[in-house]
Every structure is written in C-alpha cells, then in structure tokens.
Amino acid sequence: MSHYADLPVYKASYDLFLEIFRFTKNFKKEYKYTVGERLKKEMIELVTLLYRANSRKDKYVILQEARERIEVIRLLIRLMKDLQQISMKQFVNINKRVENVSKQLTGWQKKHRISE
C-alpha cells in the first residue's frame, strides 16, 4: 500500500484545495461565509476520503462518496462563476483541476470494482 500523499489523485486534490483557498478569500462577504466555507469543507472531506480509501481494502464505496464530493465542488464553483465571484479564466483553470481529480477518482474506482 502506497502512502496516500504519494498518490497522484491526492496531489491533484491538494492543489485544487490550495486554489480554492486562494480564490474564496476574494468572494463577496455574503458568499465567503456560505459557499466559500462549503467549498473548503467539501475539499477537506474529499482529501479525508482519499486517505480513507487508500488505507482500506474495500475502496469502492469510499471512492463513490469522493466522486459525489467532487461533483458538489464542481457545482459550487459553477455557481460562483455565474454569480461573478470568479472570472472566466479562474473558472476554466479550476475546472481543469476538478476534471483531473474526477477522472482519477473514476479510474481508481473502476480498478477496484473488479477486485471487490
């Protein structure tokens, strides 16, 4: 079993987490403490799920929950773009990161569907 911090999906998720922290600080007050905090909370949950999945034999269900979290994150980011809290350039950049994490989670989950 590899150390969770060495996983490409963990590294990609952590980079996404950093980016979310950077841009949520510029949200208007009404969004910073609602959507901004929710984004951060979802990211903490996602990273925790990655750790949990890596340390368990039965990964499939945990990875499904991680995939659901990344979709909530994707939705909240789109909402912030539509409410003009992030620029189109930021949206495109962050969406690439979200998509990267999502694809890695899907691949990891498919790999473990067969073995469980």
N, C-alpha and C. Protein backbone atom coordinates (compact mmCIF):
# COMPACT_ATOMS: atom_id res chain seq x y z
N MET A 1 0.85 -1.18 0.00
CA MET A 1 0.00 0.00 0.00
C MET A 1 0.90 1.24 0.00
N SER A 2 0.63 2.13 -0.92
CA SER A 2 1.43 3.36 -1.00
C SER A 2 0.92 4.37 0.03
N HIS A 3 1.79 5.26 0.37
CA HIS A 3 1.41 6.35 1.28
C HIS A 3 0.45 7.27 0.53
N TYR A 4 -0.63 7.65 1.17
CA TYR A 4 -1.67 8.42 0.48
C TYR A 4 -1.15 9.72 -0.12
N ALA A 5 -0.17 10.37 0.51
CA ALA A 5 0.34 11.64 0.00
C ALA A 5 1.13 11.47 -1.30
N ASP A 6 1.50 10.24 -1.63
CA ASP A 6 2.21 9.95 -2.88
C ASP A 6 1.26 9.72 -4.05
N LEU A 7 -0.02 9.56 -3.76
CA LEU A 7 -0.99 9.29 -4.82
C LEU A 7 -1.18 10.51 -5.72
N PRO A 8 -1.16 10.32 -7.05
CA PRO A 8 -1.41 11.46 -7.95
C PRO A 8 -2.74 12.15 -7.67
N VAL A 9 -3.78 11.39 -7.34
CA VAL A 9 -5.10 11.99 -7.06
C VAL A 9 -5.06 12.82 -5.78
N TYR A 10 -4.26 12.41 -4.82
CA TYR A 10 -4.11 13.21 -3.60
C TYR A 10 -3.42 14.53 -3.92
N LYS A 11 -2.33 14.44 -4.68
CA LYS A 11 -1.59 15.65 -5.05
C LYS A 11 -2.47 16.61 -5.85
N ALA A 12 -3.24 16.08 -6.79
CA ALA A 12 -4.14 16.90 -7.60
C ALA A 12 -5.23 17.52 -6.73
N SER A 13 -5.74 16.77 -5.78
CA SER A 13 -6.78 17.27 -4.87
C SER A 13 -6.23 18.35 -3.96
N TYR A 14 -5.02 18.14 -3.48
CA TYR A 14 -4.41 19.14 -2.61
C TYR A 14 -4.16 20.45 -3.37
N ASP A 15 -3.71 20.35 -4.61
CA ASP A 15 -3.52 21.54 -5.45
C ASP A 15 -4.85 22.26 -5.68
N LEU A 16 -5.91 21.50 -5.90
CA LEU A 16 -7.24 22.07 -6.05
C LEU A 16 -7.66 22.78 -4.76
N PHE A 17 -7.40 22.15 -3.64
CA PHE A 17 -7.71 22.71 -2.33
C PHE A 17 -7.01 24.06 -2.14
N LEU A 18 -5.73 24.12 -2.46
CA LEU A 18 -4.98 25.37 -2.37
C LEU A 18 -5.60 26.46 -3.24
N GLU A 19 -5.94 26.09 -4.46
CA GLU A 19 -6.53 27.05 -5.40
C GLU A 19 -7.87 27.58 -4.87
N ILE A 20 -8.67 26.69 -4.30
CA ILE A 20 -9.96 27.10 -3.73
C ILE A 20 -9.73 28.06 -2.56
N PHE A 21 -8.77 27.78 -1.71
CA PHE A 21 -8.46 28.70 -0.61
C PHE A 21 -8.05 30.07 -1.14
N ARG A 22 -7.29 30.08 -2.22
CA ARG A 22 -6.82 31.35 -2.79
C ARG A 22 -7.98 32.19 -3.32
N PHE A 23 -8.90 31.57 -4.06
CA PHE A 23 -9.93 32.41 -4.67
C PHE A 23 -11.14 32.68 -3.79
N THR A 24 -11.39 31.86 -2.77
CA THR A 24 -12.55 32.13 -1.92
C THR A 24 -12.34 33.37 -1.05
N LYS A 25 -11.10 33.72 -0.78
CA LYS A 25 -10.85 34.91 0.05
C LYS A 25 -11.32 36.19 -0.64
N ASN A 26 -11.50 36.14 -1.97
CA ASN A 26 -11.94 37.32 -2.71
C ASN A 26 -13.45 37.35 -2.96
N PHE A 27 -14.17 36.36 -2.45
CA PHE A 27 -15.62 36.36 -2.59
C PHE A 27 -16.21 37.53 -1.82
N LYS A 28 -17.36 38.01 -2.28
CA LYS A 28 -18.11 38.99 -1.50
C LYS A 28 -18.49 38.33 -0.18
N LYS A 29 -18.64 39.15 0.84
CA LYS A 29 -18.93 38.66 2.19
C LYS A 29 -20.09 37.67 2.22
N GLU A 30 -21.15 37.97 1.48
CA GLU A 30 -22.34 37.10 1.51
C GLU A 30 -22.06 35.70 0.99
N TYR A 31 -21.03 35.53 0.15
CA TYR A 31 -20.68 34.22 -0.40
C TYR A 31 -19.50 33.59 0.31
N LYS A 32 -18.63 34.42 0.86
CA LYS A 32 -17.40 33.92 1.50
C LYS A 32 -17.73 32.97 2.64
N TYR A 33 -18.73 33.34 3.46
CA TYR A 33 -19.02 32.55 4.65
C TYR A 33 -20.10 31.49 4.43
N THR A 34 -20.60 31.40 3.24
CA THR A 34 -21.58 30.35 2.92
C THR A 34 -20.94 29.41 1.90
N VAL A 35 -20.91 29.83 0.66
CA VAL A 35 -20.39 28.97 -0.41
C VAL A 35 -18.89 28.74 -0.25
N GLY A 36 -18.15 29.79 0.11
CA GLY A 36 -16.70 29.65 0.30
C GLY A 36 -16.36 28.62 1.35
N GLU A 37 -17.03 28.71 2.49
CA GLU A 37 -16.79 27.74 3.56
C GLU A 37 -17.24 26.34 3.16
N ARG A 38 -18.33 26.24 2.42
CA ARG A 38 -18.80 24.93 1.97
C ARG A 38 -17.79 24.29 1.02
N LEU A 39 -17.22 25.09 0.12
CA LEU A 39 -16.19 24.58 -0.80
C LEU A 39 -15.00 24.03 -0.01
N LYS A 40 -14.56 24.77 0.97
CA LYS A 40 -13.42 24.32 1.78
C LYS A 40 -13.77 23.04 2.54
N LYS A 41 -14.97 23.00 3.10
CA LYS A 41 -15.41 21.81 3.84
C LYS A 41 -15.48 20.59 2.92
N GLU A 42 -16.02 20.77 1.72
CA GLU A 42 -16.10 19.66 0.77
C GLU A 42 -14.70 19.18 0.39
N MET A 43 -13.76 20.10 0.25
CA MET A 43 -12.39 19.71 -0.08
C MET A 43 -11.73 18.94 1.06
N ILE A 44 -11.97 19.38 2.30
CA ILE A 44 -11.42 18.64 3.45
C ILE A 44 -11.99 17.23 3.47
N GLU A 45 -13.30 17.12 3.23
CA GLU A 45 -13.94 15.80 3.19
C GLU A 45 -13.36 14.94 2.07
N LEU A 46 -13.15 15.55 0.90
CA LEU A 46 -12.60 14.81 -0.24
C LEU A 46 -11.21 14.27 0.08
N VAL A 47 -10.34 15.10 0.62
CA VAL A 47 -8.98 14.66 0.95
C VAL A 47 -9.03 13.58 2.03
N THR A 48 -9.93 13.71 2.99
CA THR A 48 -10.10 12.69 4.03
C THR A 48 -10.54 11.36 3.42
N LEU A 49 -11.45 11.43 2.47
CA LEU A 49 -11.91 10.20 1.80
C LEU A 49 -10.78 9.53 1.02
N LEU A 50 -9.92 10.32 0.41
CA LEU A 50 -8.77 9.75 -0.32
C LEU A 50 -7.86 8.99 0.64
N TYR A 51 -7.61 9.58 1.79
CA TYR A 51 -6.80 8.91 2.80
C TYR A 51 -7.48 7.60 3.22
N ARG A 52 -8.79 7.68 3.48
CA ARG A 52 -9.53 6.50 3.93
C ARG A 52 -9.52 5.40 2.87
N ALA A 53 -9.75 5.80 1.62
CA ALA A 53 -9.77 4.81 0.53
C ALA A 53 -8.42 4.13 0.38
N ASN A 54 -7.36 4.88 0.52
CA ASN A 54 -6.02 4.31 0.36
C ASN A 54 -5.66 3.36 1.48
N SER A 55 -6.24 3.54 2.66
CA SER A 55 -5.88 2.71 3.80
C SER A 55 -6.80 1.51 3.99
N ARG A 56 -7.78 1.35 3.11
CA ARG A 56 -8.73 0.23 3.25
C ARG A 56 -8.69 -0.69 2.04
N LYS A 57 -9.10 -1.89 2.30
CA LYS A 57 -9.19 -2.86 1.21
C LYS A 57 -10.44 -2.61 0.37
N ASP A 58 -11.55 -2.29 1.02
CA ASP A 58 -12.82 -2.05 0.34
C ASP A 58 -12.94 -0.56 -0.03
N LYS A 59 -12.40 -0.22 -1.18
CA LYS A 59 -12.30 1.18 -1.60
C LYS A 59 -13.52 1.69 -2.37
N TYR A 60 -14.26 0.82 -2.99
CA TYR A 60 -15.27 1.23 -3.97
C TYR A 60 -16.29 2.24 -3.41
N VAL A 61 -16.89 1.95 -2.27
CA VAL A 61 -17.93 2.81 -1.70
C VAL A 61 -17.33 4.16 -1.29
N ILE A 62 -16.15 4.14 -0.71
CA ILE A 62 -15.49 5.38 -0.30
C ILE A 62 -15.18 6.23 -1.53
N LEU A 63 -14.72 5.60 -2.60
CA LEU A 63 -14.42 6.33 -3.83
C LEU A 63 -15.69 6.89 -4.46
N GLN A 64 -16.80 6.19 -4.31
CA GLN A 64 -18.07 6.72 -4.81
C GLN A 64 -18.44 8.00 -4.06
N GLU A 65 -18.24 8.00 -2.76
CA GLU A 65 -18.52 9.20 -1.98
C GLU A 65 -17.58 10.34 -2.39
N ALA A 66 -16.33 10.02 -2.65
CA ALA A 66 -15.36 11.03 -3.11
C ALA A 66 -15.80 11.62 -4.45
N ARG A 67 -16.30 10.77 -5.34
CA ARG A 67 -16.80 11.26 -6.64
C ARG A 67 -18.00 12.18 -6.46
N GLU A 68 -18.86 11.86 -5.50
CA GLU A 68 -20.01 12.73 -5.22
C GLU A 68 -19.53 14.08 -4.69
N ARG A 69 -18.52 14.07 -3.85
CA ARG A 69 -17.97 15.32 -3.30
C ARG A 69 -17.40 16.20 -4.42
N ILE A 70 -16.68 15.60 -5.36
CA ILE A 70 -16.08 16.41 -6.43
C ILE A 70 -17.17 17.02 -7.31
N GLU A 71 -18.31 16.34 -7.44
CA GLU A 71 -19.42 16.91 -8.22
C GLU A 71 -20.07 18.08 -7.48
N VAL A 72 -20.16 18.00 -6.16
CA VAL A 72 -20.67 19.13 -5.37
C VAL A 72 -19.72 20.31 -5.53
N ILE A 73 -18.43 20.04 -5.47
CA ILE A 73 -17.42 21.10 -5.65
C ILE A 73 -17.56 21.73 -7.02
N ARG A 74 -17.74 20.90 -8.04
CA ARG A 74 -17.91 21.40 -9.41
C ARG A 74 -19.14 22.33 -9.50
N LEU A 75 -20.24 21.92 -8.88
CA LEU A 75 -21.47 22.70 -8.88
C LEU A 75 -21.28 24.05 -8.18
N LEU A 76 -20.64 24.03 -7.02
CA LEU A 76 -20.43 25.27 -6.26
C LEU A 76 -19.51 26.23 -7.02
N ILE A 77 -18.53 25.70 -7.70
CA ILE A 77 -17.63 26.55 -8.48
C ILE A 77 -18.39 27.17 -9.65
N ARG A 78 -19.23 26.40 -10.29
CA ARG A 78 -20.04 26.95 -11.39
C ARG A 78 -20.96 28.05 -10.87
N LEU A 79 -21.55 27.83 -9.71
CA LEU A 79 -22.41 28.84 -9.10
C LEU A 79 -21.63 30.14 -8.87
N MET A 80 -20.42 30.03 -8.38
CA MET A 80 -19.61 31.22 -8.11
C MET A 80 -19.24 31.95 -9.41
N LYS A 81 -19.06 31.20 -10.48
CA LYS A 81 -18.81 31.84 -11.78
C LYS A 81 -20.07 32.58 -12.21
N ASP A 82 -21.21 31.94 -12.10
CA ASP A 82 -22.47 32.55 -12.53
C ASP A 82 -22.84 33.78 -11.69
N LEU A 83 -22.37 33.81 -10.46
CA LEU A 83 -22.61 34.96 -9.58
C LEU A 83 -21.46 35.97 -9.65
N GLN A 84 -20.60 35.80 -10.63
CA GLN A 84 -19.45 36.69 -10.88
C GLN A 84 -18.51 36.84 -9.68
N GLN A 85 -18.32 35.75 -8.96
CA GLN A 85 -17.35 35.76 -7.86
C GLN A 85 -15.97 35.29 -8.32
N ILE A 86 -15.95 34.58 -9.44
CA ILE A 86 -14.68 34.20 -10.06
C ILE A 86 -14.77 34.53 -11.54
N SER A 87 -13.63 34.83 -12.11
CA SER A 87 -13.57 35.19 -13.53
C SER A 87 -13.68 33.93 -14.39
N MET A 88 -13.93 34.14 -15.67
CA MET A 88 -13.99 33.01 -16.61
C MET A 88 -12.63 32.30 -16.63
N LYS A 89 -11.55 33.06 -16.60
CA LYS A 89 -10.21 32.47 -16.60
C LYS A 89 -10.01 31.59 -15.36
N GLN A 90 -10.40 32.09 -14.18
CA GLN A 90 -10.31 31.29 -12.96
C GLN A 90 -11.19 30.05 -13.05
N PHE A 91 -12.38 30.23 -13.60
CA PHE A 91 -13.32 29.11 -13.74
C PHE A 91 -12.73 28.01 -14.62
N VAL A 92 -12.16 28.39 -15.74
CA VAL A 92 -11.56 27.42 -16.66
C VAL A 92 -10.40 26.70 -15.97
N ASN A 93 -9.56 27.44 -15.28
CA ASN A 93 -8.40 26.86 -14.59
C ASN A 93 -8.85 25.89 -13.50
N ILE A 94 -9.78 26.31 -12.68
CA ILE A 94 -10.22 25.46 -11.57
C ILE A 94 -10.99 24.25 -12.09
N ASN A 95 -11.74 24.45 -13.17
CA ASN A 95 -12.49 23.33 -13.74
C ASN A 95 -11.57 22.26 -14.30
N LYS A 96 -10.44 22.66 -14.85
CA LYS A 96 -9.44 21.68 -15.33
C LYS A 96 -8.94 20.84 -14.17
N ARG A 97 -8.71 21.49 -13.04
CA ARG A 97 -8.25 20.77 -11.85
C ARG A 97 -9.33 19.82 -11.33
N VAL A 98 -10.57 20.30 -11.31
CA VAL A 98 -11.70 19.46 -10.86
C VAL A 98 -11.83 18.24 -11.78
N GLU A 99 -11.75 18.48 -13.08
CA GLU A 99 -11.88 17.39 -14.05
C GLU A 99 -10.74 16.37 -13.89
N ASN A 100 -9.55 16.84 -13.64
CA ASN A 100 -8.41 15.96 -13.42
C ASN A 100 -8.66 15.05 -12.21
N VAL A 101 -9.10 15.63 -11.11
CA VAL A 101 -9.39 14.84 -9.90
C VAL A 101 -10.53 13.86 -10.19
N SER A 102 -11.58 14.32 -10.85
CA SER A 102 -12.73 13.49 -11.16
C SER A 102 -12.33 12.27 -12.00
N LYS A 103 -11.52 12.49 -13.03
CA LYS A 103 -11.07 11.38 -13.88
C LYS A 103 -10.23 10.38 -13.10
N GLN A 104 -9.36 10.88 -12.24
CA GLN A 104 -8.54 9.97 -11.43
C GLN A 104 -9.38 9.15 -10.47
N LEU A 105 -10.38 9.79 -9.86
CA LEU A 105 -11.27 9.06 -8.95
C LEU A 105 -12.04 7.98 -9.70
N THR A 106 -12.54 8.33 -10.89
CA THR A 106 -13.29 7.36 -11.69
C THR A 106 -12.40 6.17 -12.06
N GLY A 107 -11.18 6.45 -12.49
CA GLY A 107 -10.25 5.37 -12.85
C GLY A 107 -9.92 4.49 -11.66
N TRP A 108 -9.68 5.09 -10.52
CA TRP A 108 -9.36 4.34 -9.30
C TRP A 108 -10.54 3.49 -8.89
N GLN A 109 -11.74 4.05 -9.00
CA GLN A 109 -12.93 3.30 -8.63
C GLN A 109 -13.16 2.13 -9.56
N LYS A 110 -13.00 2.34 -10.87
CA LYS A 110 -13.19 1.24 -11.84
C LYS A 110 -12.21 0.12 -11.57
N LYS A 111 -10.98 0.45 -11.21
CA LYS A 111 -9.96 -0.54 -10.90
C LYS A 111 -10.38 -1.42 -9.73
N HIS A 112 -11.08 -0.82 -8.77
CA HIS A 112 -11.45 -1.56 -7.56
C HIS A 112 -12.83 -2.19 -7.64
N ARG A 113 -13.60 -1.87 -8.66
CA ARG A 113 -14.90 -2.52 -8.85
C ARG A 113 -14.70 -4.00 -9.17
N ILE A 114 -13.69 -4.26 -9.97
CA ILE A 114 -13.38 -5.62 -10.42
C ILE A 114 -12.87 -6.48 -9.27
N SER A 115 -12.01 -5.90 -8.42
CA SER A 115 -11.36 -6.69 -7.39
C SER A 115 -12.18 -6.88 -6.13
N GLU A 116 -13.35 -6.24 -6.05
CA GLU A 116 -14.14 -6.40 -4.81
C GLU A 116 -15.42 -7.15 -5.03
